[in-house]
Each structure stands twice: as C-alpha cells, then as structure tokens.
Amino acid sequence: MSPDQKHSSADYEDEAGRWLAFARGDLGSAMALLGTTTPNRNIGYLAQHAAEKALKAVILSTTRRST
C-alpha cells in the first residue's frame, strides 16, 4: 500500500491479515526446523522475521485512516 493513497480501515485489516499469514508461515518453518541439523542462527533468522511481520500486522490492524 502506498502511503500517499487513502485507504479504509478494512484495507488495513486485509493487509494486516496477509502479514500475519506471512508471520505464521515463517514461524511454522522455524518450528519445523527445530531438532534438525539446521544451524540455530538460521532458525533464529526465521523466528525474527516472523516477529517483525507479526508486529507489522499489529501496526496495520491498529491504523485508522479516514477515506
């Protein structure tokens, strides 16, 4: 979404849902790699990205813009 465009709250909620899905996917991948020979730094990388995407979803879901 472009910051110059006006969007409804529903647009932000839809975008938040997409980012939350991305976060869940990254977290699922990280969890699936636990207990494997994958280096912990790679698992941590996925977990960190999951957290960042989840935070982005929270920010988007709480954003209220007038149309």
N, C-alpha and C. Protein backbone atom coordinates (compact mmCIF):
# COMPACT_ATOMS: atom_id res chain seq x y z
N MET A 1 0.83 -1.17 0.00
CA MET A 1 0.00 0.00 0.00
C MET A 1 0.88 1.24 0.00
N SER A 2 0.54 2.18 -0.81
CA SER A 2 1.28 3.43 -0.89
C SER A 2 0.83 4.38 0.23
N PRO A 3 1.80 5.03 0.89
CA PRO A 3 1.41 5.96 1.95
C PRO A 3 0.67 7.19 1.43
N ASP A 4 0.78 7.47 0.14
CA ASP A 4 0.11 8.64 -0.44
C ASP A 4 -1.36 8.39 -0.73
N GLN A 5 -1.77 7.14 -0.74
CA GLN A 5 -3.16 6.81 -1.06
C GLN A 5 -3.97 6.73 0.23
N LYS A 6 -5.25 7.06 0.11
CA LYS A 6 -6.15 6.92 1.26
C LYS A 6 -6.78 5.54 1.21
N HIS A 7 -6.82 4.90 2.36
CA HIS A 7 -7.37 3.55 2.44
C HIS A 7 -8.35 3.48 3.61
N SER A 8 -9.29 2.59 3.48
CA SER A 8 -10.24 2.39 4.56
C SER A 8 -9.62 1.47 5.62
N SER A 9 -10.24 1.42 6.78
CA SER A 9 -9.78 0.53 7.84
C SER A 9 -9.81 -0.91 7.38
N ALA A 10 -10.78 -1.26 6.54
CA ALA A 10 -10.87 -2.64 6.03
C ALA A 10 -9.65 -2.99 5.19
N ASP A 11 -9.15 -2.01 4.41
CA ASP A 11 -7.93 -2.25 3.63
C ASP A 11 -6.76 -2.59 4.54
N TYR A 12 -6.63 -1.84 5.64
CA TYR A 12 -5.54 -2.08 6.57
C TYR A 12 -5.71 -3.44 7.26
N GLU A 13 -6.93 -3.80 7.57
CA GLU A 13 -7.18 -5.09 8.21
C GLU A 13 -6.86 -6.23 7.25
N ASP A 14 -7.19 -6.08 5.98
CA ASP A 14 -6.85 -7.10 4.98
C ASP A 14 -5.33 -7.25 4.86
N GLU A 15 -4.65 -6.13 4.80
CA GLU A 15 -3.19 -6.14 4.70
C GLU A 15 -2.58 -6.73 5.97
N ALA A 16 -3.15 -6.41 7.11
CA ALA A 16 -2.67 -6.97 8.38
C ALA A 16 -2.83 -8.49 8.38
N GLY A 17 -3.93 -8.96 7.85
CA GLY A 17 -4.15 -10.40 7.77
C GLY A 17 -3.13 -11.09 6.89
N ARG A 18 -2.76 -10.44 5.79
CA ARG A 18 -1.73 -11.01 4.91
C ARG A 18 -0.39 -11.09 5.64
N TRP A 19 -0.01 -10.03 6.33
CA TRP A 19 1.26 -10.04 7.05
C TRP A 19 1.26 -11.06 8.18
N LEU A 20 0.12 -11.22 8.84
CA LEU A 20 0.04 -12.22 9.90
C LEU A 20 0.19 -13.63 9.32
N ALA A 21 -0.37 -13.86 8.14
CA ALA A 21 -0.21 -15.16 7.48
C ALA A 21 1.26 -15.41 7.14
N PHE A 22 1.95 -14.36 6.66
CA PHE A 22 3.38 -14.50 6.37
C PHE A 22 4.14 -14.85 7.65
N ALA A 23 3.80 -14.17 8.74
CA ALA A 23 4.47 -14.41 10.02
C ALA A 23 4.24 -15.84 10.49
N ARG A 24 3.03 -16.30 10.38
CA ARG A 24 2.73 -17.69 10.79
C ARG A 24 3.51 -18.68 9.94
N GLY A 25 3.64 -18.40 8.66
CA GLY A 25 4.41 -19.28 7.78
C GLY A 25 5.87 -19.33 8.18
N ASP A 26 6.46 -18.17 8.47
CA ASP A 26 7.86 -18.14 8.90
C ASP A 26 8.04 -18.85 10.23
N LEU A 27 7.12 -18.63 11.16
CA LEU A 27 7.21 -19.28 12.46
C LEU A 27 7.06 -20.79 12.31
N GLY A 28 6.14 -21.22 11.46
CA GLY A 28 5.97 -22.65 11.22
C GLY A 28 7.22 -23.28 10.64
N SER A 29 7.86 -22.56 9.73
CA SER A 29 9.11 -23.06 9.15
C SER A 29 10.20 -23.17 10.22
N ALA A 30 10.31 -22.16 11.05
CA ALA A 30 11.30 -22.19 12.13
C ALA A 30 11.05 -23.35 13.07
N MET A 31 9.79 -23.56 13.43
CA MET A 31 9.46 -24.65 14.35
C MET A 31 9.73 -26.01 13.72
N ALA A 32 9.48 -26.12 12.42
CA ALA A 32 9.73 -27.39 11.73
C ALA A 32 11.21 -27.72 11.69
N LEU A 33 12.05 -26.70 11.72
CA LEU A 33 13.49 -26.92 11.65
C LEU A 33 14.14 -27.22 13.00
N LEU A 34 13.39 -26.95 14.08
CA LEU A 34 13.93 -27.27 15.40
C LEU A 34 14.21 -28.77 15.49
N GLY A 35 15.34 -29.12 16.06
CA GLY A 35 15.68 -30.53 16.21
C GLY A 35 16.30 -31.15 14.97
N THR A 36 16.51 -30.34 13.94
CA THR A 36 17.19 -30.83 12.74
C THR A 36 18.64 -30.36 12.80
N THR A 37 19.39 -30.65 11.76
CA THR A 37 20.78 -30.21 11.71
C THR A 37 20.92 -28.77 11.21
N THR A 38 19.80 -28.10 10.98
CA THR A 38 19.83 -26.69 10.56
C THR A 38 20.45 -25.85 11.66
N PRO A 39 21.42 -25.00 11.33
CA PRO A 39 22.03 -24.15 12.35
C PRO A 39 20.99 -23.27 13.06
N ASN A 40 21.19 -23.11 14.35
CA ASN A 40 20.26 -22.31 15.14
C ASN A 40 20.15 -20.88 14.62
N ARG A 41 21.23 -20.33 14.06
CA ARG A 41 21.17 -18.96 13.54
C ARG A 41 20.17 -18.85 12.40
N ASN A 42 20.02 -19.90 11.60
CA ASN A 42 19.04 -19.88 10.51
C ASN A 42 17.62 -19.97 11.04
N ILE A 43 17.44 -20.78 12.07
CA ILE A 43 16.12 -20.89 12.70
C ILE A 43 15.77 -19.57 13.37
N GLY A 44 16.75 -18.97 14.04
CA GLY A 44 16.53 -17.67 14.68
C GLY A 44 16.19 -16.58 13.67
N TYR A 45 16.82 -16.65 12.50
CA TYR A 45 16.53 -15.69 11.43
C TYR A 45 15.06 -15.77 11.05
N LEU A 46 14.56 -16.97 10.85
CA LEU A 46 13.14 -17.14 10.51
C LEU A 46 12.23 -16.67 11.64
N ALA A 47 12.61 -16.99 12.86
CA ALA A 47 11.80 -16.58 14.01
C ALA A 47 11.77 -15.05 14.15
N GLN A 48 12.92 -14.40 13.92
CA GLN A 48 12.98 -12.95 13.99
C GLN A 48 12.08 -12.33 12.92
N HIS A 49 12.13 -12.86 11.72
CA HIS A 49 11.29 -12.33 10.65
C HIS A 49 9.81 -12.56 10.95
N ALA A 50 9.49 -13.67 11.56
CA ALA A 50 8.11 -13.92 11.95
C ALA A 50 7.64 -12.85 12.94
N ALA A 51 8.50 -12.52 13.90
CA ALA A 51 8.14 -11.50 14.89
C ALA A 51 7.97 -10.13 14.23
N GLU A 52 8.87 -9.78 13.31
CA GLU A 52 8.76 -8.49 12.63
C GLU A 52 7.48 -8.40 11.80
N LYS A 53 7.13 -9.47 11.12
CA LYS A 53 5.92 -9.47 10.30
C LYS A 53 4.67 -9.42 11.17
N ALA A 54 4.72 -10.09 12.32
CA ALA A 54 3.58 -10.04 13.24
C ALA A 54 3.40 -8.62 13.79
N LEU A 55 4.51 -7.96 14.10
CA LEU A 55 4.42 -6.57 14.58
C LEU A 55 3.88 -5.65 13.49
N LYS A 56 4.28 -5.87 12.27
CA LYS A 56 3.75 -5.07 11.16
C LYS A 56 2.24 -5.28 11.06
N ALA A 57 1.79 -6.52 11.25
CA ALA A 57 0.36 -6.80 11.22
C ALA A 57 -0.37 -6.05 12.32
N VAL A 58 0.22 -6.00 13.51
CA VAL A 58 -0.40 -5.27 14.62
C VAL A 58 -0.50 -3.79 14.30
N ILE A 59 0.58 -3.23 13.76
CA ILE A 59 0.58 -1.80 13.42
C ILE A 59 -0.50 -1.52 12.38
N LEU A 60 -0.57 -2.35 11.35
CA LEU A 60 -1.58 -2.14 10.31
C LEU A 60 -2.99 -2.30 10.85
N SER A 61 -3.19 -3.26 11.74
CA SER A 61 -4.54 -3.51 12.25
C SER A 61 -5.03 -2.40 13.18
N THR A 62 -4.10 -1.63 13.73
CA THR A 62 -4.50 -0.56 14.63
C THR A 62 -4.46 0.81 13.94
N THR A 63 -4.13 0.82 12.65
CA THR A 63 -4.08 2.06 11.89
C THR A 63 -5.49 2.44 11.46
N ARG A 64 -5.85 3.66 11.74
CA ARG A 64 -7.17 4.17 11.35
C ARG A 64 -6.95 5.36 10.45
N ARG A 65 -7.39 5.28 9.24
CA ARG A 65 -7.27 6.39 8.31
C ARG A 65 -8.65 6.78 7.81
N SER A 66 -8.86 8.04 7.60
CA SER A 66 -10.14 8.47 7.04
C SER A 66 -10.07 8.38 5.53
N THR A 67 -11.20 8.08 4.92
CA THR A 67 -11.24 7.98 3.46
C THR A 67 -11.77 9.25 2.85
